[in-house]
PDB file of N, CA and C in Angstrom:
ATOM      1  N   MET A   1     -80.413 -10.869  86.262  1.00  0.00           N
ATOM      2  CA  MET A   1     -79.897  -9.527  86.216  1.00  0.00           C
ATOM      3  C   MET A   1     -79.733  -9.077  84.764  1.00  0.00           C
ATOM      4  N   ALA A   2     -79.278  -9.977  83.938  1.00  0.00           N
ATOM      5  CA  ALA A   2     -79.088  -9.647  82.522  1.00  0.00           C
ATOM      6  C   ALA A   2     -80.431  -9.340  81.863  1.00  0.00           C
ATOM      7  N   PHE A   3     -81.476 -10.068  82.255  1.00  0.00           N
ATOM      8  CA  PHE A   3     -82.798  -9.817  81.686  1.00  0.00           C
ATOM      9  C   PHE A   3     -83.287  -8.418  82.040  1.00  0.00           C
ATOM     10  N   LEU A   4     -83.047  -7.978  83.269  1.00  0.00           N
ATOM     11  CA  LEU A   4     -83.466  -6.639  83.671  1.00  0.00           C
ATOM     12  C   LEU A   4     -82.745  -5.552  82.877  1.00  0.00           C
ATOM     13  N   ILE A   5     -81.474  -5.770  82.611  1.00  0.00           N
ATOM     14  CA  ILE A   5     -80.709  -4.803  81.829  1.00  0.00           C
ATOM     15  C   ILE A   5     -81.231  -4.749  80.398  1.00  0.00           C
ATOM     16  N   ILE A   6     -81.479  -5.908  79.812  1.00  0.00           N
ATOM     17  CA  ILE A   6     -82.005  -5.962  78.444  1.00  0.00           C
ATOM     18  C   ILE A   6     -83.390  -5.325  78.382  1.00  0.00           C
ATOM     19  N   ALA A   7     -84.230  -5.599  79.388  1.00  0.00           N
ATOM     20  CA  ALA A   7     -85.573  -5.015  79.418  1.00  0.00           C
ATOM     21  C   ALA A   7     -85.504  -3.502  79.567  1.00  0.00           C
ATOM     22  N   ALA A   8     -84.571  -2.994  80.377  1.00  0.00           N
ATOM     23  CA  ALA A   8     -84.428  -1.549  80.545  1.00  0.00           C
ATOM     24  C   ALA A   8     -83.970  -0.882  79.252  1.00  0.00           C
ATOM     25  N   VAL A   9     -83.031  -1.486  78.561  1.00  0.00           N
ATOM     26  CA  VAL A   9     -82.567  -0.932  77.287  1.00  0.00           C
ATOM     27  C   VAL A   9     -83.686  -0.960  76.255  1.00  0.00           C
ATOM     28  N   ALA A  10     -84.433  -2.056  76.201  1.00  0.00           N
ATOM     29  CA  ALA A  10     -85.555  -2.157  75.257  1.00  0.00           C
ATOM     30  C   ALA A  10     -86.632  -1.128  75.574  1.00  0.00           C
ATOM     31  N   ALA A  11     -86.918  -0.928  76.845  1.00  0.00           N
ATOM     32  CA  ALA A  11     -87.922   0.070  77.236  1.00  0.00           C
ATOM     33  C   ALA A  11     -87.459   1.472  76.867  1.00  0.00           C
ATOM     34  N   TYR A  12     -86.185   1.760  77.042  1.00  0.00           N
ATOM     35  CA  TYR A  12     -85.658   3.071  76.684  1.00  0.00           C
ATOM     36  C   TYR A  12     -85.844   3.339  75.197  1.00  0.00           C
ATOM     37  N   PHE A  13     -85.429   2.399  74.359  1.00  0.00           N
ATOM     38  CA  PHE A  13     -85.540   2.622  72.923  1.00  0.00           C
ATOM     39  C   PHE A  13     -86.992   2.628  72.460  1.00  0.00           C
ATOM     40  N   LEU A  14     -87.827   1.835  73.093  1.00  0.00           N
ATOM     41  CA  LEU A  14     -89.240   1.831  72.750  1.00  0.00           C
ATOM     42  C   LEU A  14     -89.869   3.185  73.062  1.00  0.00           C
ATOM     43  N   LEU A  15     -89.563   3.724  74.229  1.00  0.00           N
ATOM     44  CA  LEU A  15     -90.102   5.037  74.588  1.00  0.00           C
ATOM     45  C   LEU A  15     -89.503   6.149  73.727  1.00  0.00           C
ATOM     46  N   LYS A  16     -88.222   6.036  73.396  1.00  0.00           N
ATOM     47  CA  LYS A  16     -87.567   7.069  72.590  1.00  0.00           C
ATOM     48  C   LYS A  16     -88.153   7.126  71.186  1.00  0.00           C
ATOM     49  N   GLU A  17     -88.453   6.000  70.615  1.00  0.00           N
ATOM     50  CA  GLU A  17     -88.959   5.959  69.236  1.00  0.00           C
ATOM     51  C   GLU A  17     -90.469   6.170  69.158  1.00  0.00           C
ATOM     52  N   HIS A  18     -91.182   5.865  70.217  1.00  0.00           N
ATOM     53  CA  HIS A  18     -92.649   5.915  70.168  1.00  0.00           C
ATOM     54  C   HIS A  18     -93.227   6.840  71.232  1.00  0.00           C
ATOM     55  N   THR A  19     -92.566   7.946  71.483  1.00  0.00           N
ATOM     56  CA  THR A  19     -93.009   8.872  72.524  1.00  0.00           C
ATOM     57  C   THR A  19     -94.408   9.407  72.234  1.00  0.00           C
ATOM     58  N   ALA A  20     -94.694   9.705  70.975  1.00  0.00           N
ATOM     59  CA  ALA A  20     -96.007  10.252  70.616  1.00  0.00           C
ATOM     60  C   ALA A  20     -97.117   9.245  70.896  1.00  0.00           C
ATOM     61  N   HIS A  21     -96.844   7.968  70.684  1.00  0.00           N
ATOM     62  CA  HIS A  21     -97.854   6.948  70.948  1.00  0.00           C
ATOM     63  C   HIS A  21     -98.051   6.748  72.448  1.00  0.00           C
ATOM     64  N   VAL A  22     -96.967   6.743  73.189  1.00  0.00           N
ATOM     65  CA  VAL A  22     -97.021   6.491  74.630  1.00  0.00           C
ATOM     66  C   VAL A  22     -97.654   7.670  75.370  1.00  0.00           C
ATOM     67  N   ALA A  23     -97.397   8.883  74.904  1.00  0.00           N
ATOM     68  CA  ALA A  23     -97.911  10.076  75.581  1.00  0.00           C
ATOM     69  C   ALA A  23     -99.435  10.102  75.614  1.00  0.00           C
ATOM     70  N   GLY A  24    -100.081   9.486  74.647  1.00  0.00           N
ATOM     71  CA  GLY A  24    -101.541   9.440  74.637  1.00  0.00           C
ATOM     72  C   GLY A  24    -102.121   8.572  75.734  1.00  0.00           C
ATOM     73  N   TYR A  25    -101.330   7.632  76.241  1.00  0.00           N
ATOM     74  CA  TYR A  25    -101.811   6.718  77.275  1.00  0.00           C
ATOM     75  C   TYR A  25    -101.461   7.166  78.691  1.00  0.00           C
ATOM     76  N   LEU A  26    -100.706   8.224  78.846  1.00  0.00           N
ATOM     77  CA  LEU A  26    -100.279   8.660  80.181  1.00  0.00           C
ATOM     78  C   LEU A  26    -101.440   9.004  81.114  1.00  0.00           C
ATOM     79  N   PRO A  27    -102.493   9.690  80.654  1.00  0.00           N
ATOM     80  CA  PRO A  27    -103.605   9.945  81.584  1.00  0.00           C
ATOM     81  C   PRO A  27    -104.271   8.668  82.079  1.00  0.00           C
ATOM     82  N   PHE A  28    -104.352   7.669  81.206  1.00  0.00           N
ATOM     83  CA  PHE A  28    -104.957   6.402  81.609  1.00  0.00           C
ATOM     84  C   PHE A  28    -104.064   5.653  82.591  1.00  0.00           C
ATOM     85  N   LEU A  29    -102.747   5.759  82.407  1.00  0.00           N
ATOM     86  CA  LEU A  29    -101.826   5.126  83.342  1.00  0.00           C
ATOM     87  C   LEU A  29    -101.902   5.782  84.711  1.00  0.00           C
ATOM     88  N   LEU A  30    -102.095   7.087  84.738  1.00  0.00           N
ATOM     89  CA  LEU A  30    -102.245   7.794  86.009  1.00  0.00           C
ATOM     90  C   LEU A  30    -103.515   7.346  86.724  1.00  0.00           C
ATOM     91  N   LEU A  31    -104.596   7.219  85.981  1.00  0.00           N
ATOM     92  CA  LEU A  31    -105.847   6.762  86.585  1.00  0.00           C
ATOM     93  C   LEU A  31    -105.754   5.308  87.049  1.00  0.00           C
ATOM     94  N   ALA A  32    -105.020   4.489  86.329  1.00  0.00           N
ATOM     95  CA  ALA A  32    -104.853   3.091  86.720  1.00  0.00           C
ATOM     96  C   ALA A  32    -103.938   2.958  87.927  1.00  0.00           C
ATOM     97  N   ALA A  33    -103.039   3.916  88.117  1.00  0.00           N
ATOM     98  CA  ALA A  33    -102.101   3.844  89.239  1.00  0.00           C
ATOM     99  C   ALA A  33    -102.812   4.010  90.574  1.00  0.00           C
ATOM    100  N   CYS A  34    -103.892   4.791  90.612  1.00  0.00           N
ATOM    101  CA  CYS A  34    -104.582   5.040  91.883  1.00  0.00           C
ATOM    102  C   CYS A  34    -105.137   3.756  92.512  1.00  0.00           C
ATOM    103  N   PRO A  35    -105.944   2.978  91.803  1.00  0.00           N
ATOM    104  CA  PRO A  35    -106.440   1.750  92.449  1.00  0.00           C
ATOM    105  C   PRO A  35    -105.342   0.718  92.682  1.00  0.00           C
ATOM    106  N   LEU A  36    -104.336   0.680  91.809  1.00  0.00           N
ATOM    107  CA  LEU A  36    -103.252  -0.278  92.019  1.00  0.00           C
ATOM    108  C   LEU A  36    -102.444   0.066  93.266  1.00  0.00           C
ATOM    109  N   MET A  37    -102.184   1.349  93.468  1.00  0.00           N
ATOM    110  CA  MET A  37    -101.474   1.750  94.682  1.00  0.00           C
ATOM    111  C   MET A  37    -102.317   1.444  95.914  1.00  0.00           C
ATOM    112  N   HIS A  38    -103.612   1.658  95.810  1.00  0.00           N
ATOM    113  CA  HIS A  38    -104.496   1.376  96.944  1.00  0.00           C
ATOM    114  C   HIS A  38    -104.451  -0.109  97.297  1.00  0.00           C
ATOM    115  N   LEU A  39    -104.467  -0.968  96.293  1.00  0.00           N
ATOM    116  CA  LEU A  39    -104.442  -2.411  96.552  1.00  0.00           C
ATOM    117  C   LEU A  39    -103.112  -2.870  97.148  1.00  0.00           C
ATOM    118  N   PHE A  40    -102.017  -2.406  96.587  1.00  0.00           N
ATOM    119  CA  PHE A  40    -100.721  -2.946  96.975  1.00  0.00           C
ATOM    120  C   PHE A  40    -100.085  -2.228  98.162  1.00  0.00           C
ATOM    121  N   MET A  41    -100.471  -1.005  98.455  1.00  0.00           N
ATOM    122  CA  MET A  41     -99.797  -0.265  99.513  1.00  0.00           C
ATOM    123  C   MET A  41    -100.535  -0.313 100.842  1.00  0.00           C
ATOM    124  N   HIS A  42    -101.739  -0.845 100.889  1.00  0.00           N
ATOM    125  CA  HIS A  42    -102.485  -0.905 102.138  1.00  0.00           C
ATOM    126  C   HIS A  42    -102.329  -2.247 102.848  1.00  0.00           C
ATOM    127  N   ARG A  43    -101.394  -3.049 102.436  1.00  0.00           N
ATOM    128  CA  ARG A  43    -101.238  -4.370 103.053  1.00  0.00           C
ATOM    129  C   ARG A  43    -100.748  -4.286 104.488  1.00  0.00           C
ATOM    130  N   GLY A  44     -99.867  -3.366 104.800  1.00  0.00           N
ATOM    131  CA  GLY A  44     -99.265  -3.326 106.118  1.00  0.00           C
ATOM    132  C   GLY A  44     -99.994  -2.456 107.119  1.00  0.00           C
ATOM    133  N   HIS A  45    -101.184  -1.983 106.814  1.00  0.00           N
ATOM    134  CA  HIS A  45    -101.875  -1.074 107.711  1.00  0.00           C
ATOM    135  C   HIS A  45    -102.745  -1.774 108.745  1.00  0.00           C
ATOM    136  N   GLY A  46    -102.833  -3.070 108.707  1.00  0.00           N
ATOM    137  CA  GLY A  46    -103.625  -3.787 109.689  1.00  0.00           C
ATOM    138  C   GLY A  46    -105.095  -3.847 109.360  1.00  0.00           C
ATOM    139  N   HIS A  47    -105.482  -3.588 108.138  1.00  0.00           N
ATOM    140  CA  HIS A  47    -106.888  -3.704 107.750  1.00  0.00           C
ATOM    141  C   HIS A  47    -107.214  -5.191 107.647  1.00  0.00           C
ATOM    142  N   GLY A  48    -108.167  -5.632 108.370  1.00  0.00           N
ATOM    143  CA  GLY A  48    -108.504  -7.037 108.284  1.00  0.00           C
ATOM    144  C   GLY A  48    -109.421  -7.470 109.398  1.00  0.00           C
ATOM    145  N   GLY A  49    -110.325  -6.638 109.809  1.00  0.00           N
ATOM    146  CA  GLY A  49    -111.290  -7.036 110.805  1.00  0.00           C
ATOM    147  C   GLY A  49    -110.870  -6.772 112.228  1.00  0.00           C
ATOM    148  N   HIS A  50    -109.764  -6.108 112.448  1.00  0.00           N
ATOM    149  CA  HIS A  50    -109.340  -5.788 113.804  1.00  0.00           C
ATOM    150  C   HIS A  50    -110.192  -4.646 114.343  1.00  0.00           C
ATOM    151  N   ASP A  51    -110.359  -4.621 115.627  1.00  0.00           N
ATOM    152  CA  ASP A  51    -111.200  -3.601 116.234  1.00  0.00           C
ATOM    153  C   ASP A  51    -110.326  -2.423 116.662  1.00  0.00           C
ATOM    154  N   HIS A  52    -109.921  -1.613 115.684  1.00  0.00           N
ATOM    155  CA  HIS A  52    -109.037  -0.484 115.962  1.00  0.00           C
ATOM    156  C   HIS A  52    -109.751   0.607 116.761  1.00  0.00           C
ATOM    157  N   ALA A  53    -111.024   0.817 116.522  1.00  0.00           N
ATOM    158  CA  ALA A  53    -111.753   1.893 117.199  1.00  0.00           C
ATOM    159  C   ALA A  53    -111.827   1.634 118.704  1.00  0.00           C
ATOM    160  N   ALA A  54    -112.079   0.409 119.104  1.00  0.00           N
ATOM    161  CA  ALA A  54    -112.163   0.086 120.526  1.00  0.00           C
ATOM    162  C   ALA A  54    -110.805   0.244 121.193  1.00  0.00           C
ATOM    163  N   ARG A  55    -109.744  -0.167 120.511  1.00  0.00           N
ATOM    164  CA  ARG A  55    -108.406  -0.052 121.084  1.00  0.00           C
ATOM    165  C   ARG A  55    -108.010   1.414 121.201  1.00  0.00           C
ATOM    166  N   GLN A  56    -108.340   2.218 120.208  1.00  0.00           N
ATOM    167  CA  GLN A  56    -108.019   3.638 120.267  1.00  0.00           C
ATOM    168  C   GLN A  56    -108.821   4.320 121.364  1.00  0.00           C
ATOM    169  N   GLY A  57    -110.043   3.876 121.591  1.00  0.00           N
ATOM    170  CA  GLY A  57    -110.851   4.447 122.661  1.00  0.00           C
ATOM    171  C   GLY A  57    -110.240   4.191 124.023  1.00  0.00           C
ATOM    172  N   LYS A  58    -109.706   2.998 124.249  1.00  0.00           N
ATOM    173  CA  LYS A  58    -109.056   2.672 125.519  1.00  0.00           C
ATOM    174  C   LYS A  58    -107.786   3.491 125.706  1.00  0.00           C
ATOM    175  N   GLU A  59    -107.009   3.635 124.639  1.00  0.00           N
ATOM    176  CA  GLU A  59    -105.777   4.421 124.728  1.00  0.00           C
ATOM    177  C   GLU A  59    -106.095   5.881 124.983  1.00  0.00           C
ATOM    178  N   GLY A  60    -107.137   6.392 124.347  1.00  0.00           N
ATOM    179  CA  GLY A  60    -107.539   7.792 124.539  1.00  0.00           C
ATOM    180  C   GLY A  60    -108.008   8.045 125.955  1.00  0.00           C
ATOM    181  N   ALA A  61    -108.728   7.092 126.540  1.00  0.00           N
ATOM    182  CA  ALA A  61    -109.210   7.248 127.912  1.00  0.00           C
ATOM    183  C   ALA A  61    -108.044   7.241 128.892  1.00  0.00           C
ATOM    184  N   ALA A  62    -107.053   6.390 128.667  1.00  0.00           N
ATOM    185  CA  ALA A  62    -105.888   6.329 129.542  1.00  0.00           C
ATOM    186  C   ALA A  62    -105.068   7.615 129.443  1.00  0.00           C
ATOM    187  N   ALA A  63    -104.958   8.175 128.249  1.00  0.00           N
ATOM    188  CA  ALA A  63    -104.204   9.428 128.067  1.00  0.00           C
ATOM    189  C   ALA A  63    -104.921  10.592 128.733  1.00  0.00           C
ATOM    190  N   SER A  64    -106.244  10.608 128.686  1.00  0.00           N
ATOM    191  CA  SER A  64    -106.957  11.717 129.304  1.00  0.00           C
ATOM    192  C   SER A  64    -106.877  11.640 130.835  1.00  0.00           C
ATOM    193  N   LYS A  65    -106.815  10.421 131.407  1.00  0.00           N
ATOM    194  CA  LYS A  65    -106.641  10.271 132.852  1.00  0.00           C
ATOM    195  C   LYS A  65    -105.287  10.814 133.292  1.00  0.00           C
ATOM    196  N   GLU A  66    -104.254  10.537 132.488  1.00  0.00           N
ATOM    197  CA  GLU A  66    -102.916  11.002 132.828  1.00  0.00           C
ATOM    198  C   GLU A  66    -102.846  12.526 132.752  1.00  0.00           C
ATOM    199  N   GLN A  67    -103.541  13.120 131.816  1.00  0.00           N
ATOM    200  CA  GLN A  67    -103.512  14.581 131.677  1.00  0.00           C
ATOM    201  C   GLN A  67    -104.215  15.256 132.836  1.00  0.00           C
ATOM    202  N   LYS A  68    -105.261  14.639 133.380  1.00  0.00           N
ATOM    203  CA  LYS A  68    -106.019  15.231 134.482  1.00  0.00           C
ATOM    204  C   LYS A  68    -105.208  15.219 135.774  1.00  0.00           C
ATOM    205  N   GLN A  69    -104.311  14.252 135.918  1.00  0.00           N
ATOM    206  CA  GLN A  69    -103.531  14.122 137.154  1.00  0.00           C
ATOM    207  C   GLN A  69    -102.405  15.041 137.150  1.00  0.00           C
TER     208      GLN A  69
END
């Protein structure tokens, strides 16, 4: 916990003193965030060879039968 506090204080002073240097890298950080978010945020979506299309087709057919009745 102490390390996180020290790192936060160091980051604050680093950004405060070197804002002009850091501002030049912001567009690159934004571009780097897109693939990183894609890698780390798609873990829980069930991507991994499952046959989602076939399962959705069965669910869709069952829903359409219920609507007709």
